[in-house]
Amino acid sequence: MSVSRREFMGIVSTAALAGVAGSACGNEAAQAPGDATAQVPSGDDPLGVRADFPAATESLYLNTPYIGPSPQPAVDRTIEFLAAKSRDPVLLGDMLDEEEAVREKFSRLIRAQIGEVGLVSSTSEGENIVVNSLGLKAGDNVVIDDLHYMTSLVMYSQLAETLGIETRIVRNVDGVASPEAFADMVDENTKLVSVAWISNRNGYRHDLNALADVAHASGAYLYADAVQGVGMLDLDVGPTGVDFLTTGSYKWLLGGFGVAPFYVRESVMDVVKPDRLGWRMVDERLPDYQYTIYSDARKFGYATPAFAAIYQLSGSLEYLLNVGTDRIEQHTVALAHRLYAGLTEQGFEVFTPPGNQSAIVSFNHGADYETISGQLAEAGVRLSFREGNAQIRVGPALFNNEQDIDAFLDITKGWREAAS
C-alpha cells in the first residue's frame, strides 16, 4: 500500500495541523512581491523591487555573487514559519507540503518537469551524488576548466589520487574557456564534463548547449554548477542538453543555507543512484519492513531537511517568479556591461571577457588592498576581493540600478587618479 508522509513518521496531530492551516505556513502561494511587483518601477528602480531589500538602501550592495540578500516577503515567510513552530511544533505535514511547493516553483523557474527536481543540501552535494554514480575507475577522465569552483577542483584532484582517474583542466584564455577548448580535451574515455555555468571567478558564461554536444558526442555527461546563474539569468534547462544541474539557494536565488535544488534530466534519471539512504526517499512501505523508493528526483532526499531554509526559499522563488527572470537578466546584464565599459575606460584590466552575458564582473584593481578595502568599507560598498585580494568581483542584482554602478565607478576613478 502507498503510505502518506504523515503516516510514515507516525506523528500526525489533527488538532495541530488544523491550527497551522489557519496560519501562513500552509501550502499557500507566498505573498507576491510588493506585493513586491506592485511597487511602481521608476528610473532608479526599474524592476520596482528596491523597497523589499534593505541592503539596497542601507549600503551599496554589489556582493550577491557571495551572498544574496533575501527580499522582505521571503523573510516574512520564514518568520511566519518559525512563529508557528513556536506555538505548535507538530507541523510535519505542512513542512513536507512546503518542500513539494519548492520543487514545483523551482521546476517552473527553470522550465523543468517537477519529477526532474530534487532537493539536496548544497551545490557540492549534488555534484558528489553524480560523481559517485558514474563508477569512475582508472583510465577514465573528467574534463573541467580553471574557471570552476574550488570544490570541484578539489574533488577531482582527490579522485585522481584515490581512483586513478585523469582530471583534464581546460585553461582559460583571457577569461574564456571555449567549447572548442573542451572538445580538444574530451575523448572516448571521458565520463563527465563539469563546469560552473557562470564562473564564480569572473562571471564567464559557458555555452551549455555547445558543451552538451561536446560531451554527448563522446558518450559523456554534462554537469553544471549553476549557483552563480539561476535566479540571475533566464533558463530553459531542457533545450540546453545539460544532464545534471545543482544550485545552492543563498546567492542569486535569494534564499538561505542548507537547501539546494538538484536537477536530473528525466532520460538519465536511472544513471544517478542515491548515495545516502533514509526515510525521505521512501515512496511506498511494504509488509515485513520492505520499501520502494521514489523513481524520480525525490529519491535523493534521505533525511529531515532544513525546513526553515525551505520556507525562505519558497518565498524567494515566488518573488523571482513574480518579477520574472527574463526581466532580471536583461536588467542585471545591462548593469554589468555599464560597469565593464566604465572600468575599461578608466584603464583597469578586466578579467571578465567583453560582451559576457552575466551580471558578474571581475577586475584587477592595481591598488593597495588595505587602503581601498578601508575606503570601500567606509563608503558602505559591499563586494568581494578575490585572487589573493588582487581582484575585485562585483555583481549587480535585480535591486541595483545605474546610480549604484556610477557611484562605484566614481570610487574606482579616484584610484586611477591617485596612481597616475
Protein backbone atom coordinates (compact mmCIF):
# COMPACT_ATOMS: atom_id res chain seq x y z
CA MET A 1 0.00 0.00 0.00
CA SER A 2 1.06 3.57 -0.50
CA VAL A 3 1.88 5.34 2.74
CA SER A 4 1.47 9.04 3.36
CA ARG A 5 4.35 11.07 4.69
CA ARG A 6 2.42 11.74 7.88
CA GLU A 7 1.76 8.03 8.43
CA PHE A 8 5.37 7.20 7.78
CA MET A 9 6.52 9.43 10.62
CA GLY A 10 3.58 8.44 12.78
CA ILE A 11 3.13 11.81 14.39
CA VAL A 12 0.01 13.19 12.83
CA SER A 13 -1.84 15.56 15.11
CA THR A 14 -5.20 16.59 13.67
CA ALA A 15 -5.51 19.45 16.08
CA ALA A 16 -2.02 20.69 15.35
CA LEU A 17 -2.47 20.58 11.61
CA ALA A 18 -5.83 22.30 11.85
CA GLY A 19 -4.23 25.06 13.86
CA VAL A 20 -1.48 25.56 11.31
CA ALA A 21 -3.93 25.51 8.41
CA GLY A 22 -5.12 28.89 9.52
CA SER A 23 -1.58 30.25 9.65
CA ALA A 24 0.69 31.44 6.84
CA CYS A 25 2.64 28.19 7.00
CA GLY A 26 0.20 26.15 4.96
CA ASN A 27 0.92 25.19 1.36
CA GLU A 28 -0.27 28.52 0.02
CA ALA A 29 1.45 30.72 -2.53
CA ALA A 30 3.87 33.14 -0.97
CA GLN A 31 2.77 36.73 -0.99
CA ALA A 32 3.55 38.19 -4.38
CA PRO A 33 6.41 40.63 -4.36
CA GLY A 34 5.08 44.12 -3.30
CA ASP A 35 3.24 42.51 -3.00
CA ALA A 36 6.67 43.30 -4.38
CA THR A 37 5.99 43.78 -8.05
CA ALA A 38 3.10 46.10 -7.15
CA GLN A 39 5.74 48.72 -6.43
CA VAL A 40 5.85 51.26 -9.21
CA PRO A 41 9.01 50.95 -11.35
CA SER A 42 10.96 54.15 -11.67
CA GLY A 43 14.20 55.40 -13.13
CA ASP A 44 16.18 54.42 -10.05
CA ASP A 45 14.18 51.21 -9.52
CA PRO A 46 13.41 49.72 -12.95
CA LEU A 47 12.06 46.45 -11.59
CA GLY A 48 10.15 48.03 -8.71
CA VAL A 49 11.86 45.92 -6.04
CA ARG A 50 14.29 48.10 -4.06
CA ALA A 51 11.94 48.64 -1.11
CA ASP A 52 11.99 44.88 -0.48
CA PHE A 53 15.76 44.83 0.01
CA PRO A 54 17.12 46.83 2.97
CA ALA A 55 20.62 46.07 1.69
CA ALA A 56 19.84 48.16 -1.38
CA THR A 57 19.12 51.29 0.65
CA GLU A 58 21.40 50.80 3.65
CA SER A 59 24.56 50.08 1.64
CA LEU A 60 25.90 49.92 -1.89
CA TYR A 61 25.43 46.18 -2.10
CA LEU A 62 27.23 44.58 -5.04
CA ASN A 63 28.01 41.23 -3.42
CA THR A 64 25.19 38.91 -4.48
CA PRO A 65 27.74 36.51 -6.06
CA TYR A 66 28.89 35.91 -2.46
CA ILE A 67 25.59 36.02 -0.55
CA GLY A 68 22.32 37.38 -1.92
CA PRO A 69 20.06 39.32 0.43
CA SER A 70 16.57 37.89 0.82
CA PRO A 71 13.59 40.00 -0.21
CA GLN A 72 11.24 41.02 2.58
CA PRO A 73 8.45 38.60 1.54
CA ALA A 74 10.90 35.68 1.91
CA VAL A 75 11.97 36.99 5.31
CA ASP A 76 8.33 37.31 6.36
CA ARG A 77 7.55 33.78 5.24
CA THR A 78 10.46 32.39 7.27
CA ILE A 79 9.43 34.32 10.36
CA GLU A 80 5.85 33.11 9.99
CA PHE A 81 7.09 29.51 9.90
CA LEU A 82 9.25 29.98 12.99
CA ALA A 83 6.43 31.70 14.83
CA ALA A 84 4.04 28.86 14.00
CA LYS A 85 6.64 26.31 15.10
CA SER A 86 7.00 28.08 18.43
CA ARG A 87 3.24 27.78 19.03
CA ASP A 88 2.86 24.16 17.95
CA PRO A 89 5.93 22.26 16.71
CA VAL A 90 3.93 19.38 15.15
CA LEU A 91 3.98 20.83 11.65
CA LEU A 92 5.48 17.96 9.68
CA GLY A 93 2.68 17.63 7.16
CA ASP A 94 2.75 21.30 6.29
CA MET A 95 6.55 21.34 6.18
CA LEU A 96 6.63 18.45 3.73
CA ASP A 97 3.98 20.17 1.62
CA GLU A 98 6.16 23.28 1.53
CA GLU A 99 9.09 21.15 0.39
CA GLU A 100 6.96 19.95 -2.52
CA ALA A 101 5.96 23.55 -3.25
CA VAL A 102 9.65 24.48 -3.53
CA ARG A 103 10.24 21.68 -6.02
CA GLU A 104 7.26 22.88 -8.06
CA LYS A 105 8.34 26.53 -8.01
CA PHE A 106 11.92 25.73 -8.95
CA SER A 107 10.77 23.49 -11.79
CA ARG A 108 8.78 26.43 -13.14
CA LEU A 109 11.75 28.75 -12.73
CA ILE A 110 13.99 26.62 -14.95
CA ARG A 111 11.12 25.13 -17.05
CA ALA A 112 11.79 21.55 -15.94
CA GLN A 113 9.38 18.77 -15.06
CA ILE A 114 8.79 18.59 -11.32
CA GLY A 115 9.95 14.98 -11.30
CA GLU A 116 13.36 16.15 -12.52
CA VAL A 117 13.88 18.32 -9.42
CA GLY A 118 15.05 17.07 -6.05
CA LEU A 119 16.43 18.90 -3.03
CA VAL A 120 19.86 18.35 -1.52
CA SER A 121 21.84 20.37 0.98
CA SER A 122 24.34 22.17 -1.24
CA THR A 123 25.68 22.57 -4.75
CA SER A 124 28.67 20.41 -3.85
CA GLU A 125 26.43 17.59 -2.62
CA GLY A 126 24.69 17.46 -5.99
CA GLU A 127 27.96 17.06 -7.87
CA ASN A 128 29.15 14.43 -5.40
CA ILE A 129 25.98 12.40 -5.98
CA VAL A 130 26.57 12.49 -9.73
CA VAL A 131 30.23 11.52 -9.47
CA ASN A 132 29.53 8.71 -7.02
CA SER A 133 27.07 7.21 -9.52
CA LEU A 134 29.36 7.05 -12.52
CA GLY A 135 31.55 4.14 -11.42
CA LEU A 136 34.73 6.05 -12.21
CA LYS A 137 37.86 3.94 -12.46
CA ALA A 138 41.48 4.14 -13.53
CA GLY A 139 41.69 5.13 -17.19
CA ASP A 140 38.57 7.29 -17.09
CA ASN A 141 38.85 11.05 -17.30
CA VAL A 142 36.79 14.05 -16.24
CA VAL A 143 37.12 17.37 -18.09
CA ILE A 144 36.76 20.64 -16.16
CA ASP A 145 38.23 24.12 -16.50
CA ASP A 146 40.19 26.50 -14.32
CA LEU A 147 37.16 28.78 -14.02
CA HIS A 148 35.35 26.13 -11.99
CA TYR A 149 34.58 26.46 -8.28
CA MET A 150 37.29 25.25 -5.91
CA THR A 151 35.24 22.35 -4.50
CA SER A 152 35.12 20.69 -7.91
CA LEU A 153 38.84 21.14 -8.44
CA VAL A 154 39.50 19.59 -5.02
CA MET A 155 37.07 16.72 -5.61
CA TYR A 156 38.54 15.63 -8.94
CA SER A 157 42.08 16.02 -7.63
CA GLN A 158 41.22 13.65 -4.78
CA LEU A 159 39.53 11.17 -7.15
CA ALA A 160 42.67 11.18 -9.28
CA GLU A 161 44.61 10.07 -6.22
CA THR A 162 42.12 7.53 -4.87
CA LEU A 163 40.67 6.05 -8.08
CA GLY A 164 43.37 6.78 -10.61
CA ILE A 165 41.16 8.83 -12.90
CA GLU A 166 42.62 11.61 -15.00
CA THR A 167 41.47 15.16 -14.40
CA ARG A 168 41.83 17.27 -17.51
CA ILE A 169 41.73 21.02 -16.95
CA VAL A 170 40.92 23.46 -19.72
CA ARG A 171 42.94 26.63 -19.14
CA ASN A 172 41.09 29.86 -19.77
CA VAL A 173 42.41 32.31 -22.36
CA ASP A 174 41.64 35.91 -21.45
CA GLY A 175 38.87 34.73 -19.14
CA VAL A 176 37.26 32.39 -21.70
CA ALA A 177 37.05 28.58 -21.62
CA SER A 178 35.57 27.90 -25.03
CA PRO A 179 33.61 24.83 -26.12
CA GLU A 180 36.34 24.23 -28.70
CA ALA A 181 38.92 24.03 -25.92
CA PHE A 182 36.75 21.45 -24.15
CA ALA A 183 36.35 19.48 -27.38
CA ASP A 184 40.14 19.22 -27.62
CA MET A 185 40.20 17.55 -24.18
CA VAL A 186 37.24 15.18 -24.48
CA ASP A 187 37.72 11.65 -25.84
CA GLU A 188 36.18 8.19 -25.65
CA ASN A 189 37.39 7.78 -22.04
CA THR A 190 35.70 10.96 -20.82
CA LYS A 191 32.87 10.17 -18.43
CA LEU A 192 31.89 13.67 -17.34
CA VAL A 193 32.29 17.29 -18.38
CA SER A 194 31.78 19.53 -15.36
CA VAL A 195 31.54 23.32 -15.42
CA ALA A 196 30.30 26.23 -13.39
CA TRP A 197 27.66 27.58 -15.78
CA ILE A 198 28.61 31.05 -14.61
CA SER A 199 32.13 31.16 -13.25
CA ASN A 200 32.47 32.43 -9.70
CA ARG A 201 35.88 33.77 -10.67
CA ASN A 202 34.94 36.15 -13.46
CA GLY A 203 31.30 35.55 -14.39
CA TYR A 204 32.17 33.82 -17.68
CA ARG A 205 29.01 32.25 -19.08
CA HIS A 206 29.57 28.80 -20.54
CA ASP A 207 27.61 27.78 -23.61
CA LEU A 208 25.72 24.80 -22.14
CA ASN A 209 24.25 23.76 -25.48
CA ALA A 210 27.66 23.56 -27.11
CA LEU A 211 29.20 21.76 -24.14
CA ALA A 212 26.37 19.23 -24.07
CA ASP A 213 27.03 18.49 -27.73
CA VAL A 214 30.74 18.03 -27.00
CA ALA A 215 30.11 15.72 -24.05
CA HIS A 216 27.36 13.65 -25.63
CA ALA A 217 29.31 13.12 -28.85
CA SER A 218 31.78 11.04 -26.82
CA GLY A 219 29.21 9.38 -24.59
CA ALA A 220 29.94 11.60 -21.59
CA TYR A 221 27.53 13.53 -19.38
CA LEU A 222 27.40 17.25 -18.67
CA TYR A 223 27.14 18.59 -15.12
CA ALA A 224 26.54 22.29 -14.41
CA ASP A 225 27.13 24.06 -11.12
CA ALA A 226 24.51 26.79 -11.56
CA VAL A 227 24.77 28.59 -8.23
CA GLN A 228 26.02 31.76 -9.94
CA GLY A 229 23.38 31.69 -12.64
CA VAL A 230 19.89 30.54 -11.69
CA GLY A 231 17.90 33.48 -10.37
CA MET A 232 20.10 35.99 -12.19
CA LEU A 233 19.58 34.56 -15.66
CA ASP A 234 16.60 33.16 -17.51
CA LEU A 235 17.00 29.41 -18.07
CA ASP A 236 15.03 26.87 -20.07
CA VAL A 237 17.04 23.88 -18.95
CA GLY A 238 15.67 21.18 -21.26
CA PRO A 239 16.93 22.52 -24.60
CA THR A 240 20.42 23.12 -23.18
CA GLY A 241 21.05 19.37 -23.05
CA VAL A 242 22.61 19.57 -19.59
CA ASP A 243 22.24 16.26 -17.76
CA PHE A 244 22.67 17.37 -14.15
CA LEU A 245 22.48 20.78 -12.51
CA THR A 246 22.62 21.95 -8.89
CA THR A 247 22.30 25.36 -7.32
CA GLY A 248 22.52 26.47 -3.73
CA SER A 249 19.85 28.93 -2.72
CA TYR A 250 21.79 31.63 -0.84
CA LYS A 251 23.15 33.57 -3.81
CA TRP A 252 21.02 34.58 -6.81
CA LEU A 253 18.02 32.56 -5.58
CA LEU A 254 17.99 34.98 -2.63
CA GLY A 255 17.29 32.21 -0.12
CA GLY A 256 19.13 30.71 2.81
CA PHE A 257 21.62 27.99 3.61
CA GLY A 258 21.19 24.23 3.69
CA VAL A 259 18.92 23.55 0.69
CA ALA A 260 19.88 23.28 -2.97
CA PRO A 261 17.63 22.30 -5.90
CA PHE A 262 19.13 19.40 -7.86
CA TYR A 263 18.03 18.85 -11.47
CA VAL A 264 18.44 15.48 -13.21
CA ARG A 265 17.24 15.17 -16.79
CA GLU A 266 14.47 12.55 -16.96
CA SER A 267 16.21 10.48 -19.62
CA VAL A 268 19.25 9.94 -17.36
CA MET A 269 17.39 9.59 -14.05
CA ASP A 270 18.35 5.92 -13.75
CA VAL A 271 22.03 6.76 -14.23
CA VAL A 272 22.23 8.57 -10.91
CA LYS A 273 21.77 6.48 -7.78
CA PRO A 274 21.22 7.84 -4.28
CA ASP A 275 24.46 7.60 -2.34
CA ARG A 276 22.78 8.33 1.00
CA LEU A 277 19.82 6.37 2.27
CA GLY A 278 16.98 7.22 4.62
CA TRP A 279 13.28 7.73 5.22
CA ARG A 280 12.77 10.66 2.83
CA MET A 281 13.45 8.50 -0.23
CA VAL A 282 10.58 6.11 0.55
CA ASP A 283 7.65 6.10 -1.86
CA GLU A 284 5.80 3.05 -0.55
CA ARG A 285 6.02 0.96 2.59
CA LEU A 286 5.53 -2.77 2.05
CA PRO A 287 4.96 -5.63 4.50
CA ASP A 288 7.84 -7.07 6.54
CA TYR A 289 9.83 -3.84 6.62
CA GLN A 290 10.26 -3.63 2.88
CA TYR A 291 10.12 -0.37 0.96
CA THR A 292 10.14 1.05 -2.54
CA ILE A 293 11.88 4.33 -3.23
CA TYR A 294 10.86 7.16 -5.50
CA SER A 295 11.78 6.74 -9.14
CA ASP A 296 12.11 10.48 -9.77
CA ALA A 297 14.43 13.09 -8.24
CA ARG A 298 12.74 12.81 -4.85
CA LYS A 299 14.89 9.70 -4.34
CA PHE A 300 17.82 11.96 -3.46
CA GLY A 301 16.14 13.03 -0.25
CA TYR A 302 17.20 10.83 2.64
CA ALA A 303 16.81 12.75 5.91
CA THR A 304 14.95 15.62 7.52
CA PRO A 305 15.80 18.75 5.51
CA ALA A 306 16.44 22.32 6.69
CA PHE A 307 12.81 23.36 6.82
CA ALA A 308 13.37 26.99 7.79
CA ALA A 309 15.55 27.37 4.70
CA ILE A 310 12.85 25.66 2.64
CA TYR A 311 10.28 28.24 3.71
CA GLN A 312 12.76 31.01 2.98
CA LEU A 313 13.49 29.57 -0.47
CA SER A 314 9.79 29.14 -1.13
CA GLY A 315 9.28 32.84 -0.53
CA SER A 316 12.24 33.91 -2.64
CA LEU A 317 11.28 31.60 -5.53
CA GLU A 318 7.79 33.06 -5.53
CA TYR A 319 9.37 36.50 -5.60
CA LEU A 320 11.62 35.68 -8.54
CA LEU A 321 8.76 34.11 -10.46
CA ASN A 322 6.68 37.24 -9.97
CA VAL A 323 9.45 39.60 -11.06
CA GLY A 324 10.49 37.35 -13.97
CA THR A 325 13.99 36.06 -14.62
CA ASP A 326 13.84 37.38 -18.19
CA ARG A 327 13.48 40.91 -16.78
CA ILE A 328 16.13 40.26 -14.15
CA GLU A 329 18.63 39.03 -16.73
CA GLN A 330 18.06 41.98 -19.04
CA HIS A 331 18.46 44.43 -16.16
CA THR A 332 21.47 42.92 -14.41
CA VAL A 333 23.46 42.11 -17.54
CA ALA A 334 22.96 45.69 -18.75
CA LEU A 335 24.34 46.96 -15.43
CA ALA A 336 27.34 44.65 -15.75
CA HIS A 337 28.02 45.95 -19.26
CA ARG A 338 27.81 49.53 -17.96
CA LEU A 339 30.33 48.64 -15.28
CA TYR A 340 32.62 46.88 -17.77
CA ALA A 341 32.60 49.89 -20.07
CA GLY A 342 33.41 52.26 -17.23
CA LEU A 343 36.26 50.14 -15.88
CA THR A 344 37.88 49.67 -19.27
CA GLU A 345 37.55 53.39 -19.99
CA GLN A 346 39.35 54.07 -16.72
CA GLY A 347 42.15 51.72 -17.77
CA PHE A 348 41.56 48.73 -15.48
CA GLU A 349 42.48 45.22 -16.55
CA VAL A 350 39.16 43.35 -16.55
CA PHE A 351 39.23 39.56 -16.11
CA THR A 352 35.66 39.17 -17.39
CA PRO A 353 35.60 38.85 -21.18
CA PRO A 354 33.93 41.61 -23.21
CA GLY A 355 30.29 41.09 -24.11
CA ASN A 356 29.88 38.40 -21.47
CA GLN A 357 26.21 37.67 -20.74
CA SER A 358 26.15 37.52 -16.95
CA ALA A 359 25.97 40.05 -14.14
CA ILE A 360 29.42 39.34 -12.67
CA VAL A 361 32.46 41.49 -13.44
CA SER A 362 35.94 40.86 -12.04
CA PHE A 363 38.91 43.17 -12.49
CA ASN A 364 42.43 43.78 -11.21
CA HIS A 365 42.32 46.87 -9.04
CA GLY A 366 46.09 47.53 -9.04
CA ALA A 367 45.92 49.44 -5.75
CA ASP A 368 46.91 48.88 -2.14
CA TYR A 369 44.43 46.41 -0.67
CA GLU A 370 44.41 47.81 2.85
CA THR A 371 43.82 51.32 1.59
CA ILE A 372 40.99 50.61 -0.82
CA SER A 373 39.26 47.98 1.33
CA GLY A 374 39.07 50.53 4.13
CA GLN A 375 37.78 53.16 1.73
CA LEU A 376 35.08 50.83 0.40
CA ALA A 377 34.00 49.82 3.89
CA GLU A 378 33.74 53.44 4.94
CA ALA A 379 31.64 54.20 1.86
CA GLY A 380 29.31 51.28 2.63
CA VAL A 381 30.26 49.34 -0.50
CA ARG A 382 29.83 45.57 -0.24
CA LEU A 383 31.76 43.41 -2.71
CA SER A 384 34.36 40.63 -2.75
CA PHE A 385 38.13 40.73 -3.05
CA ARG A 386 39.43 37.67 -4.89
CA GLU A 387 42.62 36.09 -6.23
CA GLY A 388 44.72 36.91 -3.19
CA ASN A 389 42.96 40.28 -2.83
CA ALA A 390 44.37 41.39 -6.20
CA GLN A 391 40.96 41.34 -7.88
CA ILE A 392 37.55 42.75 -7.11
CA ARG A 393 34.38 40.90 -8.04
CA VAL A 394 31.18 42.89 -8.48
CA GLY A 395 27.71 41.50 -9.12
CA PRO A 396 24.79 43.90 -9.60
CA ALA A 397 21.47 42.25 -8.77
CA LEU A 398 17.83 42.95 -9.51
CA PHE A 399 17.67 45.67 -6.83
CA ASN A 400 20.70 47.60 -8.09
CA ASN A 401 20.49 50.49 -10.53
CA GLU A 402 22.64 52.64 -12.80
CA GLN A 403 23.28 55.09 -9.97
CA ASP A 404 24.88 52.26 -7.97
CA ILE A 405 27.22 51.44 -10.84
CA ASP A 406 28.12 55.09 -11.40
CA ALA A 407 28.76 55.62 -7.69
CA PHE A 408 31.15 52.68 -7.67
CA LEU A 409 32.88 53.95 -10.81
CA ASP A 410 33.37 57.31 -9.11
CA ILE A 411 35.32 55.48 -6.42
CA THR A 412 37.44 53.46 -8.84
CA LYS A 413 38.17 56.62 -10.82
CA GLY A 414 39.83 58.02 -7.72
CA TRP A 415 42.12 55.01 -7.55
CA ARG A 416 43.34 55.59 -11.09
CA GLU A 417 43.86 59.27 -10.47
CA ALA A 418 45.83 58.50 -7.31
CA ALA A 419 48.03 56.06 -9.21
CA SER A 420 48.82 58.49 -12.03
